[in-house]
Amino acid sequence: MSNWFVPIRPIDRPGWGRLPLIRAGVRLLPYLLHLWQAAARAGVMHILANSGWAWHLCAAPAMLVARLRKTPVIINYRGGNADTFFAAAPRHVLRTLARASLRVTPSTFLRRVFSRHGLTAEVIPNIIDLSRFAPAPPRSFGDAPQLVVTRNLEPIYDMPTAIHAFARIKQAFPQARLTLAGSGPDLARLQRLVAEIGLQGSVHFSGRVANADMPELYASADCMLNPSTVDNMPISILEAFASGVPVVSTCAGGIPDLIEEGVSGLLVPIGDHKAMAQEVLRVLQDAGLAMALRQAGLAQARQYAWPQVRRQWLDAYRRAVVARRTP
């Protein structure tokens, strides 16, 4: 079996960031050409799709090319903002989705969203590479636990909630440290917030962390915080599970389908920094709870290993081809 990957994002030229419309147009032309060439050779087109402009600029053109080439299509839809997008989007968006041979989402949460908008979908979960992530031996952190957030610095991930929660955690653990591992437009605002609260020496903005360095980051963490307001099935939580790191997360979107409350992680309301701090303190102050969360997370991560998920994708590809051939 051969496969071809068609990226939407070529190498940008300096200055394009200030010209988004020109940048999008320059990207689109080679993208369409590569799609046209790949569709001629492919038995199935597997289109990764998301909401908003990502749909219109990336997924919709791929669907058009597949239709012209008469190539079977699997729409692999991701992102926690699908409900809002579908409700406001032009009707042709849902009609285009309905034409796909199969619609696949990584979570039952998104499958429910699709159903509300009259579309069927099936669940094939995200994967975690267990050859890269492994639990570090439990350690005694004293009054200096290491906390981590591995999301981009964007409004939907609500970093201020994590920072305010951390300020309360510092009262119980004076030497605690928080690493915000991500990049994004909120960096300057978050740095000001950290300075206003007086946490400059305790909060580290690491910037974007290379994939190869993520296992080391998780190995240094005693708890992961996920403060997002919109979410689906975050890979970051799977990585924490596979690394044996207890997770405290908001209950946004599909996260309650991924985290079993009190078993594989702890859930708090969106935007509630006091509740987040309280649950993180439970993890840090109760070694038995932390170990139970760690073991449950490791067991859950194994369900998302590639050998299990690979079989589901191969079956989906076969069914997409058969569906197109069936009159």
C-alpha atoms as a PDB file:
ATOM      1  CA  MET A   1       0.000   0.000   0.000  1.00  0.00           C
ATOM      2  CA  SER A   2       1.355   3.420  -0.998  1.00  0.00           C
ATOM      3  CA  ASN A   3       0.305   6.811   0.282  1.00  0.00           C
ATOM      4  CA  TRP A   4       0.850  10.451  -0.660  1.00  0.00           C
ATOM      5  CA  PHE A   5       0.725  13.395   1.720  1.00  0.00           C
ATOM      6  CA  VAL A   6      -0.419  16.758   0.342  1.00  0.00           C
ATOM      7  CA  PRO A   7       0.313  19.640   2.743  1.00  0.00           C
ATOM      8  CA  ILE A   8      -1.586  22.920   2.567  1.00  0.00           C
ATOM      9  CA  ARG A   9       1.330  24.976   3.917  1.00  0.00           C
ATOM     10  CA  PRO A  10       4.372  25.417   1.660  1.00  0.00           C
ATOM     11  CA  ILE A  11       7.468  27.278   2.789  1.00  0.00           C
ATOM     12  CA  ASP A  12       6.418  30.897   3.337  1.00  0.00           C
ATOM     13  CA  ARG A  13       8.394  33.870   2.112  1.00  0.00           C
ATOM     14  CA  PRO A  14       9.399  36.604   4.615  1.00  0.00           C
ATOM     15  CA  GLY A  15       6.679  39.201   5.024  1.00  0.00           C
ATOM     16  CA  TRP A  16       3.763  36.969   4.007  1.00  0.00           C
ATOM     17  CA  GLY A  17       2.495  36.962   7.585  1.00  0.00           C
ATOM     18  CA  ARG A  18       1.405  40.593   7.046  1.00  0.00           C
ATOM     19  CA  LEU A  19      -0.467  39.698   3.831  1.00  0.00           C
ATOM     20  CA  PRO A  20      -2.836  36.853   4.783  1.00  0.00           C
ATOM     21  CA  LEU A  21      -5.017  36.984   1.654  1.00  0.00           C
ATOM     22  CA  ILE A  22      -2.026  36.929  -0.683  1.00  0.00           C
ATOM     23  CA  ARG A  23      -0.432  34.184   1.407  1.00  0.00           C
ATOM     24  CA  ALA A  24      -3.608  32.066   1.230  1.00  0.00           C
ATOM     25  CA  GLY A  25      -3.819  32.492  -2.544  1.00  0.00           C
ATOM     26  CA  VAL A  26      -0.183  31.603  -3.097  1.00  0.00           C
ATOM     27  CA  ARG A  27      -0.613  28.492  -0.978  1.00  0.00           C
ATOM     28  CA  LEU A  28      -3.837  27.444  -2.685  1.00  0.00           C
ATOM     29  CA  LEU A  29      -2.542  27.124  -6.241  1.00  0.00           C
ATOM     30  CA  PRO A  30       0.219  24.528  -5.609  1.00  0.00           C
ATOM     31  CA  TYR A  31      -2.069  22.803  -3.118  1.00  0.00           C
ATOM     32  CA  LEU A  32      -4.750  22.293  -5.792  1.00  0.00           C
ATOM     33  CA  LEU A  33      -2.165  21.075  -8.295  1.00  0.00           C
ATOM     34  CA  HIS A  34      -0.749  18.525  -5.852  1.00  0.00           C
ATOM     35  CA  LEU A  35      -4.264  17.408  -4.914  1.00  0.00           C
ATOM     36  CA  TRP A  36      -5.173  16.907  -8.556  1.00  0.00           C
ATOM     37  CA  GLN A  37      -2.068  14.797  -9.153  1.00  0.00           C
ATOM     38  CA  ALA A  38      -2.487  12.735  -5.975  1.00  0.00           C
ATOM     39  CA  ALA A  39      -6.204  12.110  -6.555  1.00  0.00           C
ATOM     40  CA  ALA A  40      -5.414  10.514  -9.915  1.00  0.00           C
ATOM     41  CA  ARG A  41      -3.284   7.859  -8.190  1.00  0.00           C
ATOM     42  CA  ALA A  42      -5.215   7.394  -4.950  1.00  0.00           C
ATOM     43  CA  GLY A  43      -7.776   4.711  -4.240  1.00  0.00           C
ATOM     44  CA  VAL A  44      -9.094   6.791  -1.326  1.00  0.00           C
ATOM     45  CA  MET A  45      -8.564  10.412  -0.293  1.00  0.00           C
ATOM     46  CA  HIS A  46      -8.251  10.853   3.472  1.00  0.00           C
ATOM     47  CA  ILE A  47      -9.004  14.528   4.166  1.00  0.00           C
ATOM     48  CA  LEU A  48      -8.151  16.013   7.554  1.00  0.00           C
ATOM     49  CA  ALA A  49     -10.775  18.695   8.193  1.00  0.00           C
ATOM     50  CA  ASN A  50     -11.456  21.353  10.799  1.00  0.00           C
ATOM     51  CA  SER A  51     -13.841  24.262  11.313  1.00  0.00           C
ATOM     52  CA  GLY A  52     -13.810  27.825  10.019  1.00  0.00           C
ATOM     53  CA  TRP A  53     -11.330  28.974   7.405  1.00  0.00           C
ATOM     54  CA  ALA A  54      -9.478  25.663   7.709  1.00  0.00           C
ATOM     55  CA  TRP A  55     -12.535  24.003   6.174  1.00  0.00           C
ATOM     56  CA  HIS A  56     -12.982  26.508   3.351  1.00  0.00           C
ATOM     57  CA  LEU A  57      -9.285  26.753   2.392  1.00  0.00           C
ATOM     58  CA  CYS A  58      -8.143  23.170   2.962  1.00  0.00           C
ATOM     59  CA  ALA A  59     -10.920  20.586   3.143  1.00  0.00           C
ATOM     60  CA  ALA A  60     -13.459  22.014   0.694  1.00  0.00           C
ATOM     61  CA  PRO A  61     -10.961  22.264  -2.211  1.00  0.00           C
ATOM     62  CA  ALA A  62      -9.863  18.678  -1.539  1.00  0.00           C
ATOM     63  CA  MET A  63     -13.484  17.540  -1.629  1.00  0.00           C
ATOM     64  CA  LEU A  64     -13.983  19.339  -4.951  1.00  0.00           C
ATOM     65  CA  VAL A  65     -10.918  17.706  -6.491  1.00  0.00           C
ATOM     66  CA  ALA A  66     -12.022  14.275  -5.249  1.00  0.00           C
ATOM     67  CA  ARG A  67     -15.463  14.791  -6.771  1.00  0.00           C
ATOM     68  CA  LEU A  68     -13.999  15.797 -10.136  1.00  0.00           C
ATOM     69  CA  ARG A  69     -11.606  12.854 -10.043  1.00  0.00           C
ATOM     70  CA  LYS A  70     -14.357  10.496  -8.839  1.00  0.00           C
ATOM     71  CA  THR A  71     -12.120   9.391  -5.974  1.00  0.00           C
ATOM     72  CA  PRO A  72     -13.691   8.013  -2.744  1.00  0.00           C
ATOM     73  CA  VAL A  73     -13.318  10.384   0.209  1.00  0.00           C
ATOM     74  CA  ILE A  74     -13.045   9.931   3.953  1.00  0.00           C
ATOM     75  CA  ILE A  75     -13.532  13.183   5.853  1.00  0.00           C
ATOM     76  CA  ASN A  76     -11.587  12.909   9.105  1.00  0.00           C
ATOM     77  CA  TYR A  77     -13.147  15.823  11.012  1.00  0.00           C
ATOM     78  CA  ARG A  78     -11.391  17.232  14.081  1.00  0.00           C
ATOM     79  CA  GLY A  79     -11.709  20.210  16.392  1.00  0.00           C
ATOM     80  CA  GLY A  80     -14.040  21.049  19.243  1.00  0.00           C
ATOM     81  CA  ASN A  81     -15.723  24.030  17.556  1.00  0.00           C
ATOM     82  CA  ALA A  82     -17.683  21.995  14.999  1.00  0.00           C
ATOM     83  CA  ASP A  83     -21.141  22.643  16.475  1.00  0.00           C
ATOM     84  CA  THR A  84     -20.769  26.419  16.280  1.00  0.00           C
ATOM     85  CA  PHE A  85     -19.290  26.201  12.793  1.00  0.00           C
ATOM     86  CA  PHE A  86     -22.015  23.925  11.413  1.00  0.00           C
ATOM     87  CA  ALA A  87     -24.773  26.086  12.906  1.00  0.00           C
ATOM     88  CA  ALA A  88     -23.467  29.271  11.250  1.00  0.00           C
ATOM     89  CA  ALA A  89     -21.945  27.866   8.055  1.00  0.00           C
ATOM     90  CA  PRO A  90     -23.613  28.113   4.614  1.00  0.00           C
ATOM     91  CA  ARG A  91     -25.761  25.111   3.706  1.00  0.00           C
ATOM     92  CA  HIS A  92     -23.267  23.866   1.149  1.00  0.00           C
ATOM     93  CA  VAL A  93     -20.840  22.949   3.972  1.00  0.00           C
ATOM     94  CA  LEU A  94     -23.173  20.262   5.317  1.00  0.00           C
ATOM     95  CA  ARG A  95     -24.080  19.159   1.788  1.00  0.00           C
ATOM     96  CA  THR A  96     -20.389  18.743   0.989  1.00  0.00           C
ATOM     97  CA  LEU A  97     -19.849  16.730   4.153  1.00  0.00           C
ATOM     98  CA  ALA A  98     -22.821  14.516   3.276  1.00  0.00           C
ATOM     99  CA  ARG A  99     -21.199  13.604  -0.065  1.00  0.00           C
ATOM    100  CA  ALA A 100     -18.173  11.985   1.593  1.00  0.00           C
ATOM    101  CA  SER A 101     -17.953   8.202   1.386  1.00  0.00           C
ATOM    102  CA  LEU A 102     -17.354   8.114   5.148  1.00  0.00           C
ATOM    103  CA  ARG A 103     -17.213  10.727   7.885  1.00  0.00           C
ATOM    104  CA  VAL A 104     -14.840   9.872  10.716  1.00  0.00           C
ATOM    105  CA  THR A 105     -14.321  11.733  13.989  1.00  0.00           C
ATOM    106  CA  PRO A 106     -11.860  10.932  16.783  1.00  0.00           C
ATOM    107  CA  SER A 107     -14.491  11.137  19.531  1.00  0.00           C
ATOM    108  CA  THR A 108     -18.072  10.286  20.399  1.00  0.00           C
ATOM    109  CA  PHE A 109     -18.466  13.987  21.259  1.00  0.00           C
ATOM    110  CA  LEU A 110     -18.022  14.987  17.612  1.00  0.00           C
ATOM    111  CA  ARG A 111     -20.191  12.108  16.458  1.00  0.00           C
ATOM    112  CA  ARG A 112     -23.000  13.572  18.573  1.00  0.00           C
ATOM    113  CA  VAL A 113     -22.382  16.984  17.008  1.00  0.00           C
ATOM    114  CA  PHE A 114     -22.639  15.483  13.524  1.00  0.00           C
ATOM    115  CA  SER A 115     -25.870  13.738  14.464  1.00  0.00           C
ATOM    116  CA  ARG A 116     -27.419  17.022  15.633  1.00  0.00           C
ATOM    117  CA  HIS A 117     -26.803  18.390  12.155  1.00  0.00           C
ATOM    118  CA  GLY A 118     -28.237  15.383  10.332  1.00  0.00           C
ATOM    119  CA  LEU A 119     -24.960  13.648   9.485  1.00  0.00           C
ATOM    120  CA  THR A 120     -23.749  10.186  10.365  1.00  0.00           C
ATOM    121  CA  ALA A 121     -20.166   9.618  11.471  1.00  0.00           C
ATOM    122  CA  GLU A 122     -18.098   6.893  13.035  1.00  0.00           C
ATOM    123  CA  VAL A 123     -15.382   7.096  15.647  1.00  0.00           C
ATOM    124  CA  ILE A 124     -11.751   6.188  15.031  1.00  0.00           C
ATOM    125  CA  PRO A 125      -9.728   7.668  17.884  1.00  0.00           C
ATOM    126  CA  ASN A 126      -6.527   9.654  17.822  1.00  0.00           C
ATOM    127  CA  ILE A 127      -3.382   7.610  18.331  1.00  0.00           C
ATOM    128  CA  ILE A 128      -0.478   7.737  20.741  1.00  0.00           C
ATOM    129  CA  ASP A 129       2.964   6.384  19.907  1.00  0.00           C
ATOM    130  CA  LEU A 130       3.847   4.260  22.926  1.00  0.00           C
ATOM    131  CA  SER A 131       7.365   3.789  21.586  1.00  0.00           C
ATOM    132  CA  ARG A 132       7.993   7.505  22.263  1.00  0.00           C
ATOM    133  CA  PHE A 133       6.184   8.085  25.540  1.00  0.00           C
ATOM    134  CA  ALA A 134       6.808   6.056  28.679  1.00  0.00           C
ATOM    135  CA  PRO A 135       6.260   6.708  32.386  1.00  0.00           C
ATOM    136  CA  ALA A 136       9.152   8.050  34.419  1.00  0.00           C
ATOM    137  CA  PRO A 137       9.695   6.508  37.863  1.00  0.00           C
ATOM    138  CA  PRO A 138       7.630   8.225  40.575  1.00  0.00           C
ATOM    139  CA  ARG A 139       9.674  10.849  42.396  1.00  0.00           C
ATOM    140  CA  SER A 140       9.475  12.827  45.595  1.00  0.00           C
ATOM    141  CA  PHE A 141       9.049  16.499  44.669  1.00  0.00           C
ATOM    142  CA  GLY A 142       8.906  17.941  48.193  1.00  0.00           C
ATOM    143  CA  ASP A 143       7.581  21.493  47.979  1.00  0.00           C
ATOM    144  CA  ALA A 144       8.733  21.881  44.358  1.00  0.00           C
ATOM    145  CA  PRO A 145       6.296  20.060  42.051  1.00  0.00           C
ATOM    146  CA  GLN A 146       6.639  20.606  38.315  1.00  0.00           C
ATOM    147  CA  LEU A 147       3.380  21.452  36.520  1.00  0.00           C
ATOM    148  CA  VAL A 148       2.908  21.702  32.773  1.00  0.00           C
ATOM    149  CA  VAL A 149       0.395  22.944  30.214  1.00  0.00           C
ATOM    150  CA  THR A 150       0.999  21.710  26.672  1.00  0.00           C
ATOM    151  CA  ARG A 151      -1.406  23.833  24.639  1.00  0.00           C
ATOM    152  CA  ASN A 152      -0.857  26.851  22.419  1.00  0.00           C
ATOM    153  CA  LEU A 153      -1.139  30.348  23.833  1.00  0.00           C
ATOM    154  CA  GLU A 154      -4.516  31.102  22.270  1.00  0.00           C
ATOM    155  CA  PRO A 155      -7.785  32.343  23.815  1.00  0.00           C
ATOM    156  CA  ILE A 156      -9.624  29.005  23.433  1.00  0.00           C
ATOM    157  CA  TYR A 157      -7.045  27.324  25.668  1.00  0.00           C
ATOM    158  CA  ASP A 158      -7.585  29.863  28.485  1.00  0.00           C
ATOM    159  CA  MET A 159      -4.079  30.056  29.926  1.00  0.00           C
ATOM    160  CA  PRO A 160      -5.132  32.728  32.473  1.00  0.00           C
ATOM    161  CA  THR A 161      -7.145  30.057  34.316  1.00  0.00           C
ATOM    162  CA  ALA A 162      -4.056  27.846  34.582  1.00  0.00           C
ATOM    163  CA  ILE A 163      -1.928  30.794  35.754  1.00  0.00           C
ATOM    164  CA  HIS A 164      -4.427  31.882  38.403  1.00  0.00           C
ATOM    165  CA  ALA A 165      -4.769  28.268  39.559  1.00  0.00           C
ATOM    166  CA  PHE A 166      -0.997  28.035  39.800  1.00  0.00           C
ATOM    167  CA  ALA A 167      -0.900  31.155  42.006  1.00  0.00           C
ATOM    168  CA  ARG A 168      -3.112  29.349  44.517  1.00  0.00           C
ATOM    169  CA  ILE A 169      -1.055  26.146  44.268  1.00  0.00           C
ATOM    170  CA  LYS A 170       2.079  28.174  45.096  1.00  0.00           C
ATOM    171  CA  GLN A 171       0.602  29.000  48.474  1.00  0.00           C
ATOM    172  CA  ALA A 172       0.847  25.314  49.435  1.00  0.00           C
ATOM    173  CA  PHE A 173       3.992  24.515  47.426  1.00  0.00           C
ATOM    174  CA  PRO A 174       6.228  27.608  47.476  1.00  0.00           C
ATOM    175  CA  GLN A 175       8.836  26.188  45.093  1.00  0.00           C
ATOM    176  CA  ALA A 176       6.356  24.909  42.511  1.00  0.00           C
ATOM    177  CA  ARG A 177       7.057  25.681  38.861  1.00  0.00           C
ATOM    178  CA  LEU A 178       4.733  25.906  35.869  1.00  0.00           C
ATOM    179  CA  THR A 179       5.835  25.432  32.265  1.00  0.00           C
ATOM    180  CA  LEU A 180       3.592  26.732  29.499  1.00  0.00           C
ATOM    181  CA  ALA A 181       4.786  24.735  26.501  1.00  0.00           C
ATOM    182  CA  GLY A 182       3.336  26.369  23.418  1.00  0.00           C
ATOM    183  CA  SER A 183       3.366  29.436  21.226  1.00  0.00           C
ATOM    184  CA  GLY A 184       0.659  31.804  20.104  1.00  0.00           C
ATOM    185  CA  PRO A 185      -0.749  35.337  19.979  1.00  0.00           C
ATOM    186  CA  ASP A 186      -1.454  35.591  23.725  1.00  0.00           C
ATOM    187  CA  LEU A 187       2.207  35.419  24.785  1.00  0.00           C
ATOM    188  CA  ALA A 188       2.673  39.089  25.662  1.00  0.00           C
ATOM    189  CA  ARG A 189      -0.660  39.307  27.488  1.00  0.00           C
ATOM    190  CA  LEU A 190       0.135  36.206  29.526  1.00  0.00           C
ATOM    191  CA  GLN A 191       3.605  37.467  30.378  1.00  0.00           C
ATOM    192  CA  ARG A 192       2.035  40.661  31.718  1.00  0.00           C
ATOM    193  CA  LEU A 193      -0.418  38.641  33.789  1.00  0.00           C
ATOM    194  CA  VAL A 194       2.399  36.569  35.274  1.00  0.00           C
ATOM    195  CA  ALA A 195       4.281  39.758  36.174  1.00  0.00           C
ATOM    196  CA  GLU A 196       1.183  41.349  37.726  1.00  0.00           C
ATOM    197  CA  ILE A 197       0.649  38.327  39.972  1.00  0.00           C
ATOM    198  CA  GLY A 198       4.350  38.184  40.858  1.00  0.00           C
ATOM    199  CA  LEU A 199       5.089  34.756  39.384  1.00  0.00           C
ATOM    200  CA  GLN A 200       7.914  35.713  37.003  1.00  0.00           C
ATOM    201  CA  GLY A 201      10.437  33.363  38.622  1.00  0.00           C
ATOM    202  CA  SER A 202       8.048  30.422  38.731  1.00  0.00           C
ATOM    203  CA  VAL A 203       6.330  30.407  35.317  1.00  0.00           C
ATOM    204  CA  HIS A 204       8.367  29.389  32.304  1.00  0.00           C
ATOM    205  CA  PHE A 205       7.239  30.161  28.749  1.00  0.00           C
ATOM    206  CA  SER A 206       9.114  27.526  26.800  1.00  0.00           C
ATOM    207  CA  GLY A 207       7.724  28.405  23.376  1.00  0.00           C
ATOM    208  CA  ARG A 208       6.897  25.675  20.914  1.00  0.00           C
ATOM    209  CA  VAL A 209       8.476  22.373  21.957  1.00  0.00           C
ATOM    210  CA  ALA A 210       9.698  20.070  19.182  1.00  0.00           C
ATOM    211  CA  ASN A 211       7.928  16.709  18.997  1.00  0.00           C
ATOM    212  CA  ALA A 212      11.189  14.927  19.749  1.00  0.00           C
ATOM    213  CA  ASP A 213      11.483  16.829  23.046  1.00  0.00           C
ATOM    214  CA  MET A 214       7.934  16.273  24.306  1.00  0.00           C
ATOM    215  CA  PRO A 215       8.669  12.971  26.120  1.00  0.00           C
ATOM    216  CA  GLU A 216      11.362  14.691  28.185  1.00  0.00           C
ATOM    217  CA  LEU A 217       8.972  17.496  29.096  1.00  0.00           C
ATOM    218  CA  TYR A 218       6.311  15.070  30.344  1.00  0.00           C
ATOM    219  CA  ALA A 219       8.941  13.038  32.200  1.00  0.00           C
ATOM    220  CA  SER A 220       9.730  16.142  34.278  1.00  0.00           C
ATOM    221  CA  ALA A 221       6.080  16.853  35.178  1.00  0.00           C
ATOM    222  CA  ASP A 222       4.169  15.877  38.305  1.00  0.00           C
ATOM    223  CA  CYS A 223       0.786  16.993  36.949  1.00  0.00           C
ATOM    224  CA  MET A 224      -0.604  18.358  33.685  1.00  0.00           C
ATOM    225  CA  LEU A 225      -3.222  21.110  33.557  1.00  0.00           C
ATOM    226  CA  ASN A 226      -5.577  21.464  30.592  1.00  0.00           C
ATOM    227  CA  PRO A 227      -7.639  24.668  30.924  1.00  0.00           C
ATOM    228  CA  SER A 228      -9.204  24.693  27.429  1.00  0.00           C
ATOM    229  CA  THR A 229     -12.658  26.125  26.759  1.00  0.00           C
ATOM    230  CA  VAL A 230     -13.188  24.283  23.441  1.00  0.00           C
ATOM    231  CA  ASP A 231     -11.819  20.813  22.838  1.00  0.00           C
ATOM    232  CA  ASN A 232     -12.375  17.461  21.227  1.00  0.00           C
ATOM    233  CA  MET A 233      -9.863  14.673  21.911  1.00  0.00           C
ATOM    234  CA  PRO A 234      -6.580  16.388  22.793  1.00  0.00           C
ATOM    235  CA  ILE A 235      -3.426  14.501  21.858  1.00  0.00           C
ATOM    236  CA  SER A 236      -1.756  16.295  24.772  1.00  0.00           C
ATOM    237  CA  ILE A 237      -3.917  14.368  27.246  1.00  0.00           C
ATOM    238  CA  LEU A 238      -3.074  11.068  25.558  1.00  0.00           C
ATOM    239  CA  GLU A 239       0.614  11.974  25.756  1.00  0.00           C
ATOM    240  CA  ALA A 240       0.266  12.717  29.469  1.00  0.00           C
ATOM    241  CA  PHE A 241      -1.542   9.401  30.008  1.00  0.00           C
ATOM    242  CA  ALA A 242       1.200   7.502  28.184  1.00  0.00           C
ATOM    243  CA  SER A 243       3.837   9.345  30.228  1.00  0.00           C
ATOM    244  CA  GLY A 244       2.221   8.477  33.537  1.00  0.00           C
ATOM    245  CA  VAL A 245       1.413  12.121  34.325  1.00  0.00           C
ATOM    246  CA  PRO A 246      -1.842  12.801  36.243  1.00  0.00           C
ATOM    247  CA  VAL A 247      -4.198  15.149  34.388  1.00  0.00           C
ATOM    248  CA  VAL A 248      -6.497  17.877  35.706  1.00  0.00           C
ATOM    249  CA  SER A 249      -8.647  19.284  32.894  1.00  0.00           C
ATOM    250  CA  THR A 250     -11.729  21.321  32.231  1.00  0.00           C
ATOM    251  CA  CYS A 251     -14.776  19.399  31.067  1.00  0.00           C
ATOM    252  CA  ALA A 252     -14.821  21.159  27.683  1.00  0.00           C
ATOM    253  CA  GLY A 253     -16.265  19.436  24.617  1.00  0.00           C
ATOM    254  CA  GLY A 254     -15.252  15.814  24.264  1.00  0.00           C
ATOM    255  CA  ILE A 255     -12.866  15.690  27.206  1.00  0.00           C
ATOM    256  CA  PRO A 256     -15.374  13.905  29.510  1.00  0.00           C
ATOM    257  CA  ASP A 257     -15.504  11.167  26.851  1.00  0.00           C
ATOM    258  CA  LEU A 258     -11.729  10.825  27.099  1.00  0.00           C
ATOM    259  CA  ILE A 259     -11.186  11.275  30.848  1.00  0.00           C
ATOM    260  CA  GLU A 260     -13.205   9.174  33.275  1.00  0.00           C
ATOM    261  CA  GLU A 261     -13.715  11.550  36.170  1.00  0.00           C
ATOM    262  CA  GLY A 262     -11.904  10.427  39.294  1.00  0.00           C
ATOM    263  CA  VAL A 263     -10.448   7.376  37.532  1.00  0.00           C
ATOM    264  CA  SER A 264      -8.121   8.422  34.717  1.00  0.00           C
ATOM    265  CA  GLY A 265      -8.149  12.144  35.526  1.00  0.00           C
ATOM    266  CA  LEU A 266      -9.901  14.955  37.361  1.00  0.00           C
ATOM    267  CA  LEU A 267     -12.378  17.337  35.699  1.00  0.00           C
ATOM    268  CA  VAL A 268     -13.312  20.904  36.629  1.00  0.00           C
ATOM    269  CA  PRO A 269     -15.709  23.512  35.164  1.00  0.00           C
ATOM    270  CA  ILE A 270     -14.449  25.736  32.358  1.00  0.00           C
ATOM    271  CA  GLY A 271     -12.831  28.924  33.629  1.00  0.00           C
ATOM    272  CA  ASP A 272     -12.870  27.886  37.304  1.00  0.00           C
ATOM    273  CA  HIS A 273      -9.301  28.450  38.479  1.00  0.00           C
ATOM    274  CA  LYS A 274     -10.211  27.774  42.120  1.00  0.00           C
ATOM    275  CA  ALA A 275     -11.577  24.324  41.276  1.00  0.00           C
ATOM    276  CA  MET A 276      -8.540  23.602  39.102  1.00  0.00           C
ATOM    277  CA  ALA A 277      -6.169  24.576  41.894  1.00  0.00           C
ATOM    278  CA  GLN A 278      -8.105  22.454  44.378  1.00  0.00           C
ATOM    279  CA  GLU A 279      -7.952  19.349  42.185  1.00  0.00           C
ATOM    280  CA  VAL A 280      -4.258  19.805  41.393  1.00  0.00           C
ATOM    281  CA  LEU A 281      -3.583  20.114  45.131  1.00  0.00           C
ATOM    282  CA  ARG A 282      -5.457  16.843  45.678  1.00  0.00           C
ATOM    283  CA  VAL A 283      -3.108  15.147  43.204  1.00  0.00           C
ATOM    284  CA  LEU A 284       0.015  16.681  44.744  1.00  0.00           C
ATOM    285  CA  GLN A 285      -0.992  15.998  48.350  1.00  0.00           C
ATOM    286  CA  ASP A 286      -2.371  12.474  47.932  1.00  0.00           C
ATOM    287  CA  ALA A 287       0.245  10.069  46.608  1.00  0.00           C
ATOM    288  CA  GLY A 288      -2.304   7.252  46.462  1.00  0.00           C
ATOM    289  CA  LEU A 289      -4.639   9.278  44.254  1.00  0.00           C
ATOM    290  CA  ALA A 290      -1.761  10.339  42.015  1.00  0.00           C
ATOM    291  CA  MET A 291      -0.656   6.720  41.583  1.00  0.00           C
ATOM    292  CA  ALA A 292      -4.203   5.550  40.812  1.00  0.00           C
ATOM    293  CA  LEU A 293      -4.624   8.253  38.158  1.00  0.00           C
ATOM    294  CA  ARG A 294      -1.233   7.370  36.752  1.00  0.00           C
ATOM    295  CA  GLN A 295      -2.057   3.664  36.399  1.00  0.00           C
ATOM    296  CA  ALA A 296      -5.502   4.304  34.913  1.00  0.00           C
ATOM    297  CA  GLY A 297      -4.058   6.769  32.418  1.00  0.00           C
ATOM    298  CA  LEU A 298      -1.395   4.286  31.320  1.00  0.00           C
ATOM    299  CA  ALA A 299      -4.041   1.606  30.817  1.00  0.00           C
ATOM    300  CA  GLN A 300      -6.216   3.976  28.809  1.00  0.00           C
ATOM    301  CA  ALA A 301      -3.308   5.074  26.615  1.00  0.00           C
ATOM    302  CA  ARG A 302      -2.845   1.498  25.452  1.00  0.00           C
ATOM    303  CA  GLN A 303      -6.325   1.600  23.888  1.00  0.00           C
ATOM    304  CA  TYR A 304      -5.059   4.295  21.497  1.00  0.00           C
ATOM    305  CA  ALA A 305      -1.870   2.568  20.368  1.00  0.00           C
ATOM    306  CA  TRP A 306      -1.342   2.381  16.620  1.00  0.00           C
ATOM    307  CA  PRO A 307      -1.752  -1.416  16.189  1.00  0.00           C
ATOM    308  CA  GLN A 308      -5.350  -1.196  17.473  1.00  0.00           C
ATOM    309  CA  VAL A 309      -6.292   1.962  15.563  1.00  0.00           C
ATOM    310  CA  ARG A 310      -4.547   0.854  12.363  1.00  0.00           C
ATOM    311  CA  ARG A 311      -7.037  -1.991  11.906  1.00  0.00           C
ATOM    312  CA  GLN A 312      -9.937   0.443  12.130  1.00  0.00           C
ATOM    313  CA  TRP A 313      -8.456   2.719   9.462  1.00  0.00           C
ATOM    314  CA  LEU A 314      -7.726  -0.130   7.059  1.00  0.00           C
ATOM    315  CA  ASP A 315     -11.330  -1.279   7.406  1.00  0.00           C
ATOM    316  CA  ALA A 316     -12.563   2.280   6.774  1.00  0.00           C
ATOM    317  CA  TYR A 317     -10.466   2.572   3.596  1.00  0.00           C
ATOM    318  CA  ARG A 318     -11.814  -0.726   2.273  1.00  0.00           C
ATOM    319  CA  ARG A 319     -15.411   0.287   2.975  1.00  0.00           C
ATOM    320  CA  ALA A 320     -14.941   3.674   1.296  1.00  0.00           C
ATOM    321  CA  VAL A 321     -13.739   1.955  -1.880  1.00  0.00           C
ATOM    322  CA  VAL A 322     -16.560  -0.577  -1.806  1.00  0.00           C
ATOM    323  CA  ALA A 323     -19.157   2.162  -1.228  1.00  0.00           C
ATOM    324  CA  ARG A 324     -17.969   4.048  -4.321  1.00  0.00           C
ATOM    325  CA  ARG A 325     -18.047   0.890  -6.476  1.00  0.00           C
ATOM    326  CA  THR A 326     -21.490  -0.184  -5.272  1.00  0.00           C
ATOM    327  CA  PRO A 327     -24.232   1.131  -7.598  1.00  0.00           C
END
